[in-house]
Structures are given as C-alpha cells and as structure tokens.
PDB file of N, CA and C in Angstrom:
ATOM      1  N   MET A   1      29.035 -23.383  34.750  1.00  0.00           N
ATOM      2  CA  MET A   1      28.714 -23.077  35.977  1.00  0.00           C
ATOM      3  C   MET A   1      28.558 -24.507  35.986  1.00  0.00           C
ATOM      4  N   ARG A   2      29.706 -24.915  36.989  1.00  0.00           N
ATOM      5  CA  ARG A   2      29.800 -26.963  37.500  1.00  0.00           C
ATOM      6  C   ARG A   2      29.333 -26.318  38.843  1.00  0.00           C
ATOM      7  N   ALA A   3      28.796 -25.382  40.027  1.00  0.00           N
ATOM      8  CA  ALA A   3      29.460 -25.417  41.269  1.00  0.00           C
ATOM      9  C   ALA A   3      28.420 -26.280  41.764  1.00  0.00           C
ATOM     10  N   ARG A   4      28.831 -27.171  42.906  1.00  0.00           N
ATOM     11  CA  ARG A   4      28.044 -28.099  43.461  1.00  0.00           C
ATOM     12  C   ARG A   4      27.121 -27.228  44.309  1.00  0.00           C
ATOM     13  N   THR A   5      27.866 -25.362  45.095  1.00  0.00           N
ATOM     14  CA  THR A   5      27.544 -25.497  46.086  1.00  0.00           C
ATOM     15  C   THR A   5      27.599 -24.047  45.522  1.00  0.00           C
ATOM     16  N   ILE A   6      26.170 -23.625  46.727  1.00  0.00           N
ATOM     17  CA  ILE A   6      26.124 -21.671  46.164  1.00  0.00           C
ATOM     18  C   ILE A   6      27.653 -21.229  46.229  1.00  0.00           C
ATOM     19  N   ARG A   7      28.342 -21.449  47.532  1.00  0.00           N
ATOM     20  CA  ARG A   7      29.295 -20.941  47.666  1.00  0.00           C
ATOM     21  C   ARG A   7      30.395 -21.168  46.490  1.00  0.00           C
ATOM     22  N   LYS A   8      30.428 -22.257  46.096  1.00  0.00           N
ATOM     23  CA  LYS A   8      31.230 -22.380  45.171  1.00  0.00           C
ATOM     24  C   LYS A   8      30.771 -21.518  43.433  1.00  0.00           C
ATOM     25  N   ALA A   9      29.672 -21.042  43.194  1.00  0.00           N
ATOM     26  CA  ALA A   9      28.886 -20.481  42.161  1.00  0.00           C
ATOM     27  C   ALA A   9      29.712 -19.016  41.626  1.00  0.00           C
ATOM     28  N   GLU A  10      30.621 -19.161  41.626  1.00  0.00           N
ATOM     29  CA  GLU A  10      31.413 -17.673  40.848  1.00  0.00           C
ATOM     30  C   GLU A  10      30.620 -16.752  40.002  1.00  0.00           C
ATOM     31  N   GLY A  11      30.351 -15.621  39.895  1.00  0.00           N
ATOM     32  CA  GLY A  11      30.504 -14.959  38.992  1.00  0.00           C
ATOM     33  C   GLY A  11      28.195 -14.480  38.971  1.00  0.00           C
ATOM     34  N   LEU A  12      28.114 -15.289  40.064  1.00  0.00           N
ATOM     35  CA  LEU A  12      26.429 -15.559  39.507  1.00  0.00           C
ATOM     36  C   LEU A  12      26.006 -14.432  41.128  1.00  0.00           C
ATOM     37  N   ASP A  13      25.132 -13.828  41.043  1.00  0.00           N
ATOM     38  CA  ASP A  13      24.427 -12.802  42.064  1.00  0.00           C
ATOM     39  C   ASP A  13      23.741 -15.135  43.424  1.00  0.00           C
ATOM     40  N   ALA A  14      23.351 -14.761  45.042  1.00  0.00           N
ATOM     41  CA  ALA A  14      22.809 -15.341  45.241  1.00  0.00           C
ATOM     42  C   ALA A  14      21.249 -15.765  44.877  1.00  0.00           C
ATOM     43  N   SER A  15      20.962 -15.452  44.534  1.00  0.00           N
ATOM     44  CA  SER A  15      19.537 -16.534  43.873  1.00  0.00           C
ATOM     45  C   SER A  15      19.843 -17.186  42.290  1.00  0.00           C
ATOM     46  N   ARG A  16      20.667 -16.303  41.991  1.00  0.00           N
ATOM     47  CA  ARG A  16      20.686 -17.421  40.241  1.00  0.00           C
ATOM     48  C   ARG A  16      21.977 -18.133  40.812  1.00  0.00           C
ATOM     49  N   ALA A  17      22.576 -18.706  41.812  1.00  0.00           N
ATOM     50  CA  ALA A  17      23.998 -19.703  42.373  1.00  0.00           C
ATOM     51  C   ALA A  17      22.819 -20.755  42.548  1.00  0.00           C
ATOM     52  N   LEU A  18      22.069 -20.015  43.763  1.00  0.00           N
ATOM     53  CA  LEU A  18      20.807 -21.202  44.235  1.00  0.00           C
ATOM     54  C   LEU A  18      19.746 -22.193  43.110  1.00  0.00           C
ATOM     55  N   GLN A  19      19.292 -21.465  42.086  1.00  0.00           N
ATOM     56  CA  GLN A  19      18.364 -21.492  41.058  1.00  0.00           C
ATOM     57  C   GLN A  19      19.821 -22.596  40.014  1.00  0.00           C
ATOM     58  N   ALA A  20      20.464 -22.472  39.950  1.00  0.00           N
ATOM     59  CA  ALA A  20      21.724 -22.721  39.146  1.00  0.00           C
ATOM     60  C   ALA A  20      22.270 -24.518  39.764  1.00  0.00           C
ATOM     61  N   VAL A  21      22.273 -24.573  41.469  1.00  0.00           N
ATOM     62  CA  VAL A  21      22.315 -25.505  42.100  1.00  0.00           C
ATOM     63  C   VAL A  21      21.522 -26.703  41.896  1.00  0.00           C
ATOM     64  N   LEU A  22      20.232 -26.043  42.413  1.00  0.00           N
ATOM     65  CA  LEU A  22      18.965 -26.742  42.295  1.00  0.00           C
ATOM     66  C   LEU A  22      18.695 -27.118  40.908  1.00  0.00           C
ATOM     67  N   TYR A  23      18.645 -26.628  40.008  1.00  0.00           N
ATOM     68  CA  TYR A  23      18.572 -27.649  38.664  1.00  0.00           C
ATOM     69  C   TYR A  23      19.482 -28.660  38.261  1.00  0.00           C
ATOM     70  N   ARG A  24      21.191 -28.104  38.488  1.00  0.00           N
ATOM     71  CA  ARG A  24      21.868 -28.874  38.576  1.00  0.00           C
ATOM     72  C   ARG A  24      21.963 -30.440  39.486  1.00  0.00           C
ATOM     73  N   SER A  25      21.587 -30.580  40.607  1.00  0.00           N
ATOM     74  CA  SER A  25      21.203 -31.295  41.339  1.00  0.00           C
ATOM     75  C   SER A  25      20.201 -32.557  41.070  1.00  0.00           C
ATOM     76  N   ALA A  26      19.263 -31.593  40.619  1.00  0.00           N
ATOM     77  CA  ALA A  26      18.033 -32.309  39.416  1.00  0.00           C
ATOM     78  C   ALA A  26      18.154 -33.180  38.566  1.00  0.00           C
ATOM     79  N   LYS A  27      18.519 -31.993  37.739  1.00  0.00           N
ATOM     80  CA  LYS A  27      19.617 -32.878  36.319  1.00  0.00           C
ATOM     81  C   LYS A  27      20.457 -34.324  36.359  1.00  0.00           C
ATOM     82  N   GLN A  28      21.003 -34.253  37.775  1.00  0.00           N
ATOM     83  CA  GLN A  28      22.448 -34.935  37.886  1.00  0.00           C
ATOM     84  C   GLN A  28      21.101 -36.520  39.052  1.00  0.00           C
ATOM     85  N   ASP A  29      20.181 -35.982  39.531  1.00  0.00           N
ATOM     86  CA  ASP A  29      19.819 -37.433  39.678  1.00  0.00           C
ATOM     87  C   ASP A  29      18.116 -37.221  39.400  1.00  0.00           C
ATOM     88  N   SER A  30      17.530 -37.778  38.876  1.00  0.00           N
ATOM     89  CA  SER A  30      15.901 -37.575  38.182  1.00  0.00           C
ATOM     90  C   SER A  30      15.331 -38.322  39.769  1.00  0.00           C
ATOM     91  N   THR A  31      15.585 -39.058  40.743  1.00  0.00           N
ATOM     92  CA  THR A  31      15.368 -39.370  41.413  1.00  0.00           C
ATOM     93  C   THR A  31      14.856 -38.526  42.923  1.00  0.00           C
ATOM     94  N   ARG A  32      15.851 -37.596  43.219  1.00  0.00           N
ATOM     95  CA  ARG A  32      16.343 -36.824  44.240  1.00  0.00           C
ATOM     96  C   ARG A  32      14.852 -35.837  44.032  1.00  0.00           C
ATOM     97  N   ARG A  33      14.244 -36.475  45.901  1.00  0.00           N
ATOM     98  CA  ARG A  33      13.151 -35.157  46.501  1.00  0.00           C
ATOM     99  C   ARG A  33      13.332 -34.271  47.137  1.00  0.00           C
ATOM    100  N   PHE A  34      13.145 -32.690  46.819  1.00  0.00           N
ATOM    101  CA  PHE A  34      13.726 -31.625  47.713  1.00  0.00           C
ATOM    102  C   PHE A  34      12.633 -31.355  48.588  1.00  0.00           C
ATOM    103  N   LEU A  35      12.683 -32.068  49.681  1.00  0.00           N
ATOM    104  CA  LEU A  35      11.572 -31.678  50.943  1.00  0.00           C
ATOM    105  C   LEU A  35      11.755 -30.862  51.456  1.00  0.00           C
ATOM    106  N   ALA A  36      13.299 -30.196  51.106  1.00  0.00           N
ATOM    107  CA  ALA A  36      13.418 -28.687  52.887  1.00  0.00           C
ATOM    108  C   ALA A  36      13.281 -27.594  51.717  1.00  0.00           C
ATOM    109  N   LEU A  37      12.895 -27.260  51.357  1.00  0.00           N
ATOM    110  CA  LEU A  37      13.429 -26.066  50.633  1.00  0.00           C
ATOM    111  C   LEU A  37      12.954 -24.366  50.978  1.00  0.00           C
ATOM    112  N   TYR A  38      11.668 -24.415  52.093  1.00  0.00           N
ATOM    113  CA  TYR A  38      11.627 -23.834  52.248  1.00  0.00           C
ATOM    114  C   TYR A  38      12.350 -22.969  52.961  1.00  0.00           C
ATOM    115  N   ASP A  39      13.373 -23.611  53.679  1.00  0.00           N
ATOM    116  CA  ASP A  39      14.346 -22.094  54.191  1.00  0.00           C
ATOM    117  C   ASP A  39      15.300 -21.336  52.881  1.00  0.00           C
ATOM    118  N   LYS A  40      15.155 -22.269  51.684  1.00  0.00           N
ATOM    119  CA  LYS A  40      15.671 -21.818  50.025  1.00  0.00           C
ATOM    120  C   LYS A  40      15.074 -20.342  49.467  1.00  0.00           C
ATOM    121  N   VAL A  41      13.901 -21.191  49.047  1.00  0.00           N
ATOM    122  CA  VAL A  41      13.130 -19.968  48.724  1.00  0.00           C
ATOM    123  C   VAL A  41      12.479 -18.268  49.161  1.00  0.00           C
ATOM    124  N   ALA A  42      12.491 -18.996  51.006  1.00  0.00           N
ATOM    125  CA  ALA A  42      12.295 -17.999  52.167  1.00  0.00           C
ATOM    126  C   ALA A  42      12.224 -16.747  51.964  1.00  0.00           C
ATOM    127  N   ARG A  43      14.217 -17.175  51.159  1.00  0.00           N
ATOM    128  CA  ARG A  43      15.087 -16.061  51.919  1.00  0.00           C
ATOM    129  C   ARG A  43      14.788 -14.622  50.996  1.00  0.00           C
ATOM    130  N   ALA A  44      15.044 -13.845  52.036  1.00  0.00           N
ATOM    131  CA  ALA A  44      15.019 -12.039  51.709  1.00  0.00           C
ATOM    132  C   ALA A  44      15.480 -11.736  50.188  1.00  0.00           C
ATOM    133  N   ASP A  45      16.364 -12.168  49.694  1.00  0.00           N
ATOM    134  CA  ASP A  45      17.562 -12.035  48.345  1.00  0.00           C
ATOM    135  C   ASP A  45      16.204 -12.540  47.203  1.00  0.00           C
ATOM    136  N   ILE A  46      15.748 -13.957  47.682  1.00  0.00           N
ATOM    137  CA  ILE A  46      14.631 -14.656  46.524  1.00  0.00           C
ATOM    138  C   ILE A  46      13.742 -14.034  46.156  1.00  0.00           C
ATOM    139  N   LEU A  47      12.441 -13.407  47.417  1.00  0.00           N
ATOM    140  CA  LEU A  47      11.480 -13.564  47.624  1.00  0.00           C
ATOM    141  C   LEU A  47      11.220 -11.577  46.896  1.00  0.00           C
ATOM    142  N   VAL A  48      12.350 -11.313  47.095  1.00  0.00           N
ATOM    143  CA  VAL A  48      12.474  -9.149  46.714  1.00  0.00           C
ATOM    144  C   VAL A  48      12.735 -10.344  44.707  1.00  0.00           C
ATOM    145  N   ARG A  49      13.941 -10.497  44.887  1.00  0.00           N
ATOM    146  CA  ARG A  49      14.079 -10.798  43.320  1.00  0.00           C
ATOM    147  C   ARG A  49      12.649 -11.973  42.603  1.00  0.00           C
ATOM    148  N   ALA A  50      12.216 -12.787  43.394  1.00  0.00           N
ATOM    149  CA  ALA A  50      10.851 -13.094  42.389  1.00  0.00           C
ATOM    150  C   ALA A  50      10.260 -11.798  42.073  1.00  0.00           C
ATOM    151  N   TRP A  51       9.942 -11.490  43.451  1.00  0.00           N
ATOM    152  CA  TRP A  51       8.140 -10.186  43.415  1.00  0.00           C
ATOM    153  C   TRP A  51       8.812  -9.153  42.088  1.00  0.00           C
ATOM    154  N   GLY A  52       9.850  -8.974  41.878  1.00  0.00           N
ATOM    155  CA  GLY A  52      10.536  -8.109  41.152  1.00  0.00           C
ATOM    156  C   GLY A  52      10.029  -9.278  39.819  1.00  0.00           C
ATOM    157  N   GLU A  53      10.822  -9.924  39.425  1.00  0.00           N
ATOM    158  CA  GLU A  53      10.734 -10.319  38.426  1.00  0.00           C
ATOM    159  C   GLU A  53       8.811 -10.628  37.981  1.00  0.00           C
ATOM    160  N   VAL A  54       7.836 -10.820  39.034  1.00  0.00           N
ATOM    161  CA  VAL A  54       6.585 -10.447  39.209  1.00  0.00           C
ATOM    162  C   VAL A  54       5.793  -9.427  38.706  1.00  0.00           C
ATOM    163  N   ARG A  55       6.990  -8.843  39.465  1.00  0.00           N
ATOM    164  CA  ARG A  55       6.874  -6.883  38.536  1.00  0.00           C
ATOM    165  C   ARG A  55       6.640  -6.575  37.289  1.00  0.00           C
ATOM    166  N   ALA A  56       7.757  -6.790  36.823  1.00  0.00           N
ATOM    167  CA  ALA A  56       8.458  -6.985  35.568  1.00  0.00           C
ATOM    168  C   ALA A  56       7.371  -8.014  34.228  1.00  0.00           C
ATOM    169  N   ASN A  57       6.727  -8.671  34.932  1.00  0.00           N
ATOM    170  CA  ASN A  57       5.919  -9.232  33.973  1.00  0.00           C
ATOM    171  C   ASN A  57       4.361  -9.032  33.551  1.00  0.00           C
ATOM    172  N   ARG A  58       4.782  -8.123  34.689  1.00  0.00           N
ATOM    173  CA  ARG A  58       2.850  -8.014  35.135  1.00  0.00           C
ATOM    174  C   ARG A  58       2.027  -9.323  35.400  1.00  0.00           C
ATOM    175  N   GLY A  59       2.854  -9.506  36.343  1.00  0.00           N
ATOM    176  CA  GLY A  59       2.509 -11.257  36.696  1.00  0.00           C
ATOM    177  C   GLY A  59       0.626 -11.194  36.600  1.00  0.00           C
ATOM    178  N   ALA A  60       0.245 -11.944  35.664  1.00  0.00           N
ATOM    179  CA  ALA A  60      -1.183 -12.617  35.771  1.00  0.00           C
ATOM    180  C   ALA A  60      -1.764 -12.722  36.767  1.00  0.00           C
ATOM    181  N   PRO A  61      -2.915 -12.863  37.220  1.00  0.00           N
ATOM    182  CA  PRO A  61      -3.611 -13.711  38.168  1.00  0.00           C
ATOM    183  C   PRO A  61      -3.313 -15.309  38.180  1.00  0.00           C
ATOM    184  N   GLY A  62      -3.499 -16.014  39.738  1.00  0.00           N
ATOM    185  CA  GLY A  62      -3.637 -17.319  39.737  1.00  0.00           C
ATOM    186  C   GLY A  62      -4.126 -17.432  40.363  1.00  0.00           C
ATOM    187  N   VAL A  63      -4.979 -18.662  40.258  1.00  0.00           N
ATOM    188  CA  VAL A  63      -5.905 -19.535  40.373  1.00  0.00           C
ATOM    189  C   VAL A  63      -6.885 -18.695  41.779  1.00  0.00           C
ATOM    190  N   ASP A  64      -6.052 -18.635  42.209  1.00  0.00           N
ATOM    191  CA  ASP A  64      -7.225 -17.365  43.321  1.00  0.00           C
ATOM    192  C   ASP A  64      -7.715 -17.032  42.723  1.00  0.00           C
ATOM    193  N   GLY A  65      -7.180 -15.933  41.566  1.00  0.00           N
ATOM    194  CA  GLY A  65      -7.915 -15.014  41.040  1.00  0.00           C
ATOM    195  C   GLY A  65      -6.601 -13.513  41.622  1.00  0.00           C
ATOM    196  N   THR A  66      -6.147 -13.913  42.433  1.00  0.00           N
ATOM    197  CA  THR A  66      -5.462 -12.693  42.947  1.00  0.00           C
ATOM    198  C   THR A  66      -4.458 -12.139  42.375  1.00  0.00           C
ATOM    199  N   SER A  67      -4.738 -10.876  41.989  1.00  0.00           N
ATOM    200  CA  SER A  67      -3.734  -9.885  40.944  1.00  0.00           C
ATOM    201  C   SER A  67      -2.680  -9.043  41.820  1.00  0.00           C
ATOM    202  N   ILE A  68      -1.195  -8.827  41.329  1.00  0.00           N
ATOM    203  CA  ILE A  68      -0.019  -7.687  41.411  1.00  0.00           C
ATOM    204  C   ILE A  68      -1.367  -6.673  42.336  1.00  0.00           C
ATOM    205  N   GLU A  69      -1.984  -6.228  42.102  1.00  0.00           N
ATOM    206  CA  GLU A  69      -2.705  -4.675  42.251  1.00  0.00           C
ATOM    207  C   GLU A  69      -3.441  -4.983  43.556  1.00  0.00           C
ATOM    208  N   ASP A  70      -3.945  -6.201  44.035  1.00  0.00           N
ATOM    209  CA  ASP A  70      -4.622  -6.622  45.038  1.00  0.00           C
ATOM    210  C   ASP A  70      -4.338  -7.058  45.889  1.00  0.00           C
ATOM    211  N   VAL A  71      -2.388  -7.129  45.647  1.00  0.00           N
ATOM    212  CA  VAL A  71      -1.812  -8.113  46.753  1.00  0.00           C
ATOM    213  C   VAL A  71      -1.156  -6.426  47.449  1.00  0.00           C
ATOM    214  N   GLU A  72      -0.682  -5.482  46.131  1.00  0.00           N
ATOM    215  CA  GLU A  72      -0.077  -4.484  46.202  1.00  0.00           C
ATOM    216  C   GLU A  72      -1.579  -3.862  47.153  1.00  0.00           C
ATOM    217  N   GLU A  73      -2.526  -3.640  47.828  1.00  0.00           N
ATOM    218  CA  GLU A  73      -3.407  -2.856  48.186  1.00  0.00           C
ATOM    219  C   GLU A  73      -4.107  -3.612  49.122  1.00  0.00           C
ATOM    220  N   SER A  74      -3.866  -4.792  49.578  1.00  0.00           N
ATOM    221  CA  SER A  74      -3.547  -5.483  50.769  1.00  0.00           C
ATOM    222  C   SER A  74      -2.867  -5.478  52.057  1.00  0.00           C
ATOM    223  N   GLY A  75      -1.383  -4.813  51.291  1.00  0.00           N
ATOM    224  CA  GLY A  75      -0.668  -4.149  51.444  1.00  0.00           C
ATOM    225  C   GLY A  75       0.447  -5.359  51.644  1.00  0.00           C
ATOM    226  N   VAL A  76       1.741  -4.977  51.367  1.00  0.00           N
ATOM    227  CA  VAL A  76       2.703  -5.954  51.087  1.00  0.00           C
ATOM    228  C   VAL A  76       3.916  -5.255  51.567  1.00  0.00           C
ATOM    229  N   GLU A  77       4.729  -6.643  52.878  1.00  0.00           N
ATOM    230  CA  GLU A  77       5.701  -5.110  53.706  1.00  0.00           C
ATOM    231  C   GLU A  77       7.047  -6.166  52.413  1.00  0.00           C
ATOM    232  N   ARG A  78       7.811  -5.456  52.265  1.00  0.00           N
ATOM    233  CA  ARG A  78       9.535  -5.649  51.408  1.00  0.00           C
ATOM    234  C   ARG A  78       9.817  -7.028  52.213  1.00  0.00           C
ATOM    235  N   PRO A  79      10.075  -7.365  51.639  1.00  0.00           N
ATOM    236  CA  PRO A  79      11.223  -8.898  52.873  1.00  0.00           C
ATOM    237  C   PRO A  79      12.887  -8.076  53.315  1.00  0.00           C
ATOM    238  N   SER A  80      13.043  -8.027  54.275  1.00  0.00           N
ATOM    239  CA  SER A  80      14.048  -7.387  54.777  1.00  0.00           C
ATOM    240  C   SER A  80      15.107  -7.752  55.136  1.00  0.00           C
ATOM    241  N   SER A  81      16.964  -8.252  54.751  1.00  0.00           N
ATOM    242  CA  SER A  81      17.720  -8.408  55.252  1.00  0.00           C
ATOM    243  C   SER A  81      18.055  -8.418  56.728  1.00  0.00           C
ATOM    244  N   SER A  82      17.794  -6.987  57.185  1.00  0.00           N
ATOM    245  CA  SER A  82      17.829  -6.183  58.559  1.00  0.00           C
ATOM    246  C   SER A  82      16.123  -6.495  59.654  1.00  0.00           C
ATOM    247  N   ARG A  83      15.333  -7.283  58.956  1.00  0.00           N
ATOM    248  CA  ARG A  83      14.014  -8.118  59.902  1.00  0.00           C
ATOM    249  C   ARG A  83      14.831  -9.225  60.498  1.00  0.00           C
ATOM    250  N   SER A  84      14.824  -9.559  62.500  1.00  0.00           N
ATOM    251  CA  SER A  84      14.527 -10.257  62.816  1.00  0.00           C
ATOM    252  C   SER A  84      14.053 -11.506  62.467  1.00  0.00           C
ATOM    253  N   PRO A  85      14.187 -13.241  62.766  1.00  0.00           N
ATOM    254  CA  PRO A  85      14.038 -14.092  62.164  1.00  0.00           C
ATOM    255  C   PRO A  85      12.664 -14.231  63.354  1.00  0.00           C
ATOM    256  N   ASP A  86      11.337 -14.549  62.805  1.00  0.00           N
ATOM    257  CA  ASP A  86      10.173 -15.508  63.247  1.00  0.00           C
ATOM    258  C   ASP A  86      10.475 -15.813  64.196  1.00  0.00           C
ATOM    259  N   PRO A  87       9.934 -15.776  65.306  1.00  0.00           N
ATOM    260  CA  PRO A  87      10.645 -17.191  67.176  1.00  0.00           C
ATOM    261  C   PRO A  87      10.221 -18.126  66.580  1.00  0.00           C
TER     262      PRO A  87
END
C-alpha cells in the first residue's frame, strides 16, 4: 500500500485507508505534527469501527475507570452518516 491519499488506497475500507495514510506520513517525516486530526477521527465510520473493536476486545476501563458497561448504561448514540452536522 503506497497511497498518499485515502482516495488512492485501493482495496481498503475507508477507516483502514486513513490509518495507512497517517502511518505512512508519520514514517516518512518523523518531525511531522498532526495538529488537525479531529475531523478525521470523529467521522462516523471511524467511531463505529473503533467502538466495535473496543467491544470485541471487551475493552478495559481507562484511566477514568469508565467501563463499556458504564458507557452503554449512560446511553450511547450510534454515529450515523445520515445525521446532520452540528452547527
């Protein structure tokens, strides 16, 4: 996989393509800073995949002690690409 952009990453789903492009960028320039990643990691497809991987790994509580069960108990809104962006 030698893609420099997500669009050129053939054969990968969008979240894996993003991961591959970010990895390649970081390896090519060790001084590069990724200052604006929020728009990329807050995408619905990335959040759905991340949540699925946490569930599959029976994710352990983080430093705040919040477990998956705590999050689900408090209510989790599944990200949806059909949602309109917040103003």
